Amino acid sequence: MTADSSAAKTVQIDSDHSGQRIDNYLLSQLKGVSRSHVYKLLRSGQVRVNSGRKKPHYKLQCGDAVRLPPVRMALRQHPTIPDSVIEKLEACVLFENNDLLVLNKPSGIAVHGGSGIAFGVIEAMKISRAEQFLELVHRLDRETSGCLLLAKNRTTLTCLHDLLRAETDSNLGKYYLALVAGQWHGINYIDKPLIKAKRGGENIIEIADDDSANGPHKSQAAVSHFEAQQVFEQATLMRIRIETGRTHQIRVHAAQANHPVAGDEKYGNTEFNRSMKKIGLKRLFLHAARLEIPALPATNGKPIIVEAPLDDDLQQVLGKLKP
């Protein structure tokens, strides 16, 4: 199905969209238009900023006048999201102010739709709060539970993304709890770059080797700090601080150290996972337990610490482990 917008219009950029790339802005405004068509509109000059042409990477400024041309758009079919899911997520709010929202994301719900997933946290929250700007600041794996940060305006989103890219000590502090195989004592620092790969037709993340520079993907620096919290007969509860937020970072680093995360079917140990399942573990034992947000305008100039309690099902598993 298509809709015809037959008249051009000019919109003025406000502070919420200041700093956003024009191609991404157009994708958000021209629902149903493909990225390739957006680029065509920019190249041909049908989209203009302050009466001039702009390249896709141009960052909008507050007060810019953007001409949106008439386009024929495919109407997107919005996924049906059960009310029970929306209500569950709203009940998971850990912290909220005018600029930020932190959820205790349940395990099993993706942060966003795509790749065969009809919807995720962000789609559900945008339906729940239809009049409000909401975007993900970072991501968690579908099976990982815990602190998930969302921004409630474009200025805050840009500020937090800049912090994440900076990867310095003034960055967001992200701490996890994970149950790993075997006894892993003390504090362990892992600095191993990661790279995307394909093994047996499956997309995975692995430790980059010296030949990675010659492959199709570039390696990314990845640093994790593991600290033992409780050591059991066959497993260890670890507290992990990550300096970088790479895909599957904790899971791959733990597996590389021969202490894979319990319930990890992609990088884990089959025998260990089987023994954990016998005592009631039905999911990946990885939980984003604590989020430290530095002093920012969005926090009224004061640091904020948000903690997500460990889920009851994971607490029950710990209670069944032998010391």
Protein backbone atom coordinates (compact mmCIF):
# COMPACT_ATOMS: atom_id res chain seq x y z
CA MET A 1 0.00 0.00 0.00
CA THR A 2 1.26 3.50 -0.78
CA ALA A 3 0.42 7.03 0.28
CA ASP A 4 0.96 10.09 -1.88
CA SER A 5 2.27 13.28 -0.31
CA SER A 6 1.66 15.65 -3.24
CA ALA A 7 3.00 18.93 -1.86
CA ALA A 8 6.46 19.94 -0.74
CA LYS A 9 6.77 21.45 2.71
CA THR A 10 9.46 23.24 4.68
CA VAL A 11 10.15 22.38 8.31
CA GLN A 12 12.36 24.18 10.78
CA ILE A 13 14.77 22.08 12.84
CA ASP A 14 14.35 22.31 16.60
CA SER A 15 16.79 21.45 19.39
CA ASP A 16 15.59 17.82 19.52
CA HIS A 17 16.93 17.19 16.00
CA SER A 18 19.97 19.46 16.11
CA GLY A 19 23.12 17.40 15.49
CA GLN A 20 21.28 14.59 13.68
CA ARG A 21 22.55 13.55 10.24
CA ILE A 22 20.18 14.69 7.53
CA ASP A 23 19.87 11.20 5.99
CA ASN A 24 18.75 9.75 9.32
CA TYR A 25 16.37 12.67 9.85
CA LEU A 26 14.77 12.09 6.46
CA LEU A 27 14.35 8.38 7.17
CA SER A 28 12.49 9.26 10.37
CA GLN A 29 10.27 11.84 8.65
CA LEU A 30 9.55 10.08 5.35
CA LYS A 31 8.16 6.83 6.73
CA GLY A 32 8.39 4.00 4.25
CA VAL A 33 11.00 5.63 2.00
CA SER A 34 14.14 3.52 1.52
CA ARG A 35 17.63 4.77 2.39
CA SER A 36 18.67 4.56 -1.28
CA HIS A 37 15.75 6.80 -2.24
CA VAL A 38 16.68 9.27 0.51
CA TYR A 39 20.18 9.49 -0.98
CA LYS A 40 18.65 10.05 -4.42
CA LEU A 41 16.53 12.92 -3.05
CA LEU A 42 19.65 14.52 -1.58
CA ARG A 43 21.79 14.04 -4.71
CA SER A 44 19.12 15.47 -7.00
CA GLY A 45 18.57 18.51 -4.78
CA GLN A 46 14.92 17.70 -4.08
CA VAL A 47 15.79 18.00 -0.39
CA ARG A 48 17.36 21.34 0.47
CA VAL A 49 18.62 22.93 3.67
CA ASN A 50 18.40 26.72 3.81
CA SER A 51 17.80 26.60 0.03
CA GLY A 52 21.08 24.74 -0.58
CA ARG A 53 22.06 21.13 -1.30
CA LYS A 54 23.58 18.98 1.43
CA LYS A 55 25.38 15.64 1.52
CA PRO A 56 23.94 12.73 3.57
CA HIS A 57 26.43 13.21 6.41
CA TYR A 58 25.47 16.88 6.99
CA LYS A 59 24.48 17.44 10.62
CA LEU A 60 21.40 19.56 11.07
CA GLN A 61 21.56 22.76 13.09
CA CYS A 62 18.85 24.32 15.21
CA GLY A 63 16.89 26.74 13.00
CA ASP A 64 17.76 25.06 9.68
CA ALA A 65 14.94 25.21 7.14
CA VAL A 66 14.58 21.81 5.47
CA ARG A 67 12.54 21.37 2.30
CA LEU A 68 10.80 17.99 2.20
CA PRO A 69 9.75 17.10 -1.36
CA PRO A 70 6.53 15.35 -2.36
CA VAL A 71 7.19 11.62 -2.30
CA ARG A 72 5.22 8.45 -2.81
CA MET A 73 5.69 6.37 0.33
CA ALA A 74 4.93 2.76 1.20
CA LEU A 75 2.87 2.63 4.37
CA ARG A 76 4.59 0.50 6.96
CA GLN A 77 2.63 -2.19 8.68
CA HIS A 78 3.22 -1.66 12.38
CA PRO A 79 3.59 -4.87 14.39
CA THR A 80 0.89 -5.79 16.83
CA ILE A 81 2.39 -5.62 20.31
CA PRO A 82 0.39 -7.27 23.11
CA ASP A 83 -0.79 -4.95 25.85
CA SER A 84 0.72 -7.38 28.35
CA VAL A 85 4.22 -6.72 26.94
CA ILE A 86 3.78 -2.94 27.11
CA GLU A 87 2.44 -3.16 30.67
CA LYS A 88 5.33 -5.43 31.67
CA LEU A 89 7.91 -2.99 30.33
CA GLU A 90 6.28 0.00 31.99
CA ALA A 91 6.41 -1.92 35.28
CA CYS A 92 10.16 -2.39 34.73
CA VAL A 93 11.05 1.32 34.95
CA LEU A 94 13.93 1.75 37.41
CA PHE A 95 14.62 5.45 36.94
CA GLU A 96 13.12 8.34 34.98
CA ASN A 97 13.53 12.09 34.69
CA ASN A 98 12.84 14.60 31.92
CA ASP A 99 15.77 13.37 29.83
CA LEU A 100 16.46 9.73 30.72
CA LEU A 101 14.65 6.44 31.20
CA VAL A 102 16.23 3.27 32.61
CA LEU A 103 14.42 -0.07 32.34
CA ASN A 104 15.16 -3.42 33.94
CA LYS A 105 14.84 -5.24 30.62
CA PRO A 106 13.43 -8.75 30.96
CA SER A 107 15.36 -11.64 29.44
CA GLY A 108 13.88 -12.89 26.18
CA ILE A 109 12.77 -9.50 24.81
CA ALA A 110 14.97 -7.93 22.13
CA VAL A 111 15.83 -4.26 22.45
CA HIS A 112 14.52 -3.63 18.90
CA GLY A 113 12.85 -5.49 16.06
CA GLY A 114 14.59 -6.88 12.98
CA SER A 115 16.08 -10.13 11.62
CA GLY A 116 12.84 -12.03 12.08
CA ILE A 117 11.92 -10.28 15.35
CA ALA A 118 8.64 -8.38 14.97
CA PHE A 119 9.27 -5.87 17.75
CA GLY A 120 11.47 -5.07 20.70
CA VAL A 121 11.63 -2.82 23.73
CA ILE A 122 11.92 0.41 21.77
CA GLU A 123 8.94 -0.30 19.53
CA ALA A 124 6.79 -1.21 22.53
CA MET A 125 7.82 1.87 24.51
CA LYS A 126 7.15 4.15 21.55
CA ILE A 127 3.60 2.81 21.41
CA SER A 128 3.20 3.18 25.16
CA ARG A 129 4.48 6.76 25.00
CA ALA A 130 3.40 7.81 21.55
CA GLU A 131 3.78 11.55 22.16
CA GLN A 132 7.31 11.27 23.55
CA PHE A 133 10.71 11.09 21.88
CA LEU A 134 12.42 7.82 22.86
CA GLU A 135 15.57 6.20 21.48
CA LEU A 136 17.97 3.51 22.67
CA VAL A 137 21.28 4.76 24.05
CA HIS A 138 22.89 1.30 23.97
CA ARG A 139 21.88 -2.32 23.47
CA LEU A 140 21.65 -5.58 25.38
CA ASP A 141 21.51 -9.09 23.94
CA ARG A 142 17.99 -10.49 23.73
CA GLU A 143 18.64 -13.02 26.51
CA THR A 144 20.46 -10.53 28.77
CA SER A 145 18.39 -8.83 31.44
CA GLY A 146 18.99 -5.62 33.39
CA CYS A 147 19.69 -1.91 33.00
CA LEU A 148 18.78 -0.51 29.59
CA LEU A 149 19.15 3.23 29.02
CA LEU A 150 16.87 5.27 26.75
CA ALA A 151 17.05 8.98 25.92
CA LYS A 152 13.96 11.19 25.93
CA ASN A 153 15.33 13.90 23.63
CA ARG A 154 17.84 14.22 20.80
CA THR A 155 20.27 16.40 22.78
CA THR A 156 20.63 13.81 25.54
CA LEU A 157 20.93 10.98 23.02
CA THR A 158 23.78 12.74 21.21
CA CYS A 159 25.57 13.52 24.47
CA LEU A 160 25.38 9.91 25.67
CA HIS A 161 26.47 8.51 22.31
CA ASP A 162 29.49 10.82 22.41
CA LEU A 163 30.34 9.42 25.85
CA LEU A 164 30.06 5.85 24.62
CA ARG A 165 32.30 6.57 21.64
CA ALA A 166 34.89 8.30 23.84
CA GLU A 167 35.44 5.15 25.97
CA THR A 168 37.18 7.02 28.79
CA ASP A 169 37.03 6.87 32.58
CA SER A 170 34.28 9.54 32.47
CA ASN A 171 32.18 7.20 30.36
CA LEU A 172 29.01 5.41 31.38
CA GLY A 173 29.84 2.77 33.97
CA LYS A 174 28.31 -0.57 32.95
CA TYR A 175 28.49 -3.49 35.38
CA TYR A 176 27.17 -7.01 34.87
CA LEU A 177 26.70 -10.19 36.87
CA ALA A 178 27.40 -13.50 35.15
CA LEU A 179 27.63 -17.09 36.27
CA VAL A 180 30.57 -18.75 34.52
CA ALA A 181 31.86 -22.30 34.34
CA GLY A 182 34.54 -23.44 36.78
CA GLN A 183 36.26 -21.73 39.66
CA TRP A 184 37.62 -18.37 38.57
CA HIS A 185 39.32 -16.57 41.45
CA GLY A 186 40.34 -12.96 41.91
CA ILE A 187 40.34 -10.11 39.40
CA ASN A 188 40.96 -10.77 35.72
CA TYR A 189 41.61 -8.09 33.11
CA ILE A 190 40.91 -9.06 29.51
CA ASP A 191 41.99 -6.81 26.67
CA LYS A 192 41.25 -8.76 23.49
CA PRO A 193 39.94 -7.13 20.29
CA LEU A 194 36.87 -8.70 18.71
CA ILE A 195 35.87 -9.26 15.12
CA LYS A 196 32.80 -10.48 13.24
CA ALA A 197 33.16 -13.82 11.49
CA LYS A 198 31.12 -16.57 9.87
CA ARG A 199 31.60 -20.17 10.98
CA GLY A 200 29.52 -22.99 9.50
CA GLY A 201 27.08 -20.49 8.04
CA GLU A 202 26.54 -18.81 11.42
CA ASN A 203 27.48 -15.22 12.24
CA ILE A 204 29.62 -15.07 15.37
CA ILE A 205 32.01 -12.79 17.23
CA GLU A 206 35.51 -14.05 17.96
CA ILE A 207 38.90 -12.90 19.25
CA ALA A 208 40.75 -11.11 16.45
CA ASP A 209 44.09 -12.54 15.36
CA ASP A 210 47.03 -11.01 13.51
CA ASP A 211 45.44 -11.75 10.14
CA SER A 212 42.24 -9.83 10.92
CA ALA A 213 43.40 -6.77 9.02
CA ASN A 214 43.16 -8.79 5.80
CA GLY A 215 39.58 -9.89 6.39
CA PRO A 216 36.27 -8.27 5.37
CA HIS A 217 35.63 -6.85 8.86
CA LYS A 218 37.77 -4.62 11.05
CA SER A 219 38.55 -5.70 14.60
CA GLN A 220 37.33 -3.56 17.50
CA ALA A 221 39.10 -2.98 20.80
CA ALA A 222 37.34 -4.69 23.71
CA VAL A 223 38.24 -4.48 27.41
CA SER A 224 36.51 -6.34 30.25
CA HIS A 225 37.24 -6.53 33.98
CA PHE A 226 36.09 -9.76 35.70
CA GLU A 227 35.98 -9.99 39.50
CA ALA A 228 34.89 -13.07 41.45
CA GLN A 229 31.95 -12.51 43.80
CA GLN A 230 31.08 -16.07 44.85
CA VAL A 231 33.04 -19.22 44.04
CA PHE A 232 31.06 -22.46 43.94
CA GLU A 233 32.06 -26.08 43.36
CA GLN A 234 31.50 -25.94 39.59
CA ALA A 235 30.85 -22.28 38.82
CA THR A 236 31.71 -18.70 39.79
CA LEU A 237 29.51 -15.63 40.05
CA MET A 238 31.47 -12.80 38.43
CA ARG A 239 31.02 -9.05 38.51
CA ILE A 240 32.11 -7.55 35.20
CA ARG A 241 32.84 -3.97 34.24
CA ILE A 242 33.18 -3.29 30.55
CA GLU A 243 35.14 -0.37 29.17
CA THR A 244 33.78 -1.01 25.67
CA GLY A 245 30.37 -2.19 24.55
CA ARG A 246 31.00 -4.63 21.73
CA THR A 247 28.50 -7.22 20.56
CA HIS A 248 28.74 -10.38 22.73
CA GLN A 249 31.85 -8.93 24.42
CA ILE A 250 31.42 -10.51 27.86
CA ARG A 251 30.36 -13.85 26.43
CA VAL A 252 33.31 -14.10 24.04
CA HIS A 253 35.89 -12.89 26.58
CA ALA A 254 34.61 -15.34 29.20
CA ALA A 255 34.68 -18.23 26.72
CA GLN A 256 38.21 -17.29 25.60
CA ALA A 257 39.32 -17.54 29.25
CA ASN A 258 37.79 -21.06 29.42
CA HIS A 259 35.02 -19.85 31.76
CA PRO A 260 32.00 -19.52 29.45
CA VAL A 261 28.77 -17.96 30.69
CA ALA A 262 26.12 -20.38 31.92
CA GLY A 263 23.29 -20.93 29.46
CA ASP A 264 25.25 -19.53 26.52
CA GLU A 265 24.27 -21.74 23.59
CA LYS A 266 26.43 -19.84 21.11
CA TYR A 267 29.80 -19.65 22.89
CA GLY A 268 29.25 -21.85 25.92
CA ASN A 269 30.06 -25.35 27.13
CA THR A 270 27.37 -27.94 26.36
CA GLU A 271 28.08 -30.16 29.36
CA PHE A 272 28.15 -27.21 31.78
CA ASN A 273 24.94 -25.81 30.32
CA ARG A 274 23.28 -29.19 30.73
CA SER A 275 24.23 -29.37 34.41
CA MET A 276 22.94 -25.83 34.99
CA LYS A 277 19.68 -26.66 33.27
CA LYS A 278 19.20 -29.54 35.71
CA ILE A 279 19.14 -27.11 38.63
CA GLY A 280 16.66 -24.80 36.92
CA LEU A 281 18.60 -22.42 34.66
CA LYS A 282 16.42 -21.73 31.63
CA ARG A 283 18.26 -18.74 30.13
CA LEU A 284 21.59 -17.01 29.70
CA PHE A 285 22.96 -16.09 33.15
CA LEU A 286 24.01 -12.55 32.24
CA HIS A 287 22.48 -9.52 33.92
CA ALA A 288 23.22 -5.79 33.53
CA ALA A 289 23.22 -5.08 37.24
CA ARG A 290 24.41 -1.48 37.55
CA LEU A 291 24.58 1.66 35.43
CA GLU A 292 26.62 4.67 36.48
CA ILE A 293 25.70 7.84 34.58
CA PRO A 294 28.22 10.69 35.03
CA ALA A 295 27.29 14.28 35.86
CA LEU A 296 25.54 15.71 32.79
CA PRO A 297 22.91 18.36 32.05
CA ALA A 298 20.48 15.44 31.79
CA THR A 299 21.30 14.44 35.40
CA ASN A 300 21.14 18.01 36.75
CA GLY A 301 24.90 18.01 37.05
CA LYS A 302 25.00 15.09 39.48
CA PRO A 303 26.03 11.47 38.81
CA ILE A 304 23.25 8.91 38.91
CA ILE A 305 23.59 5.24 39.85
CA VAL A 306 20.83 2.81 38.88
CA GLU A 307 20.83 -0.82 40.00
CA ALA A 308 18.68 -3.68 38.70
CA PRO A 309 18.10 -6.54 41.16
CA LEU A 310 19.02 -10.02 40.01
CA ASP A 311 15.94 -11.85 38.73
CA ASP A 312 14.31 -14.36 41.08
CA ASP A 313 14.97 -17.27 38.72
CA LEU A 314 18.69 -16.52 38.72
CA GLN A 315 18.74 -16.12 42.51
CA GLN A 316 17.16 -19.56 42.81
CA VAL A 317 19.90 -21.08 40.63
CA LEU A 318 22.59 -19.57 42.88
CA GLY A 319 20.81 -21.03 45.89
CA LYS A 320 21.13 -24.53 44.45
CA LEU A 321 24.88 -24.37 43.77
CA LYS A 322 27.26 -26.10 46.15
CA PRO A 323 29.87 -23.82 47.75
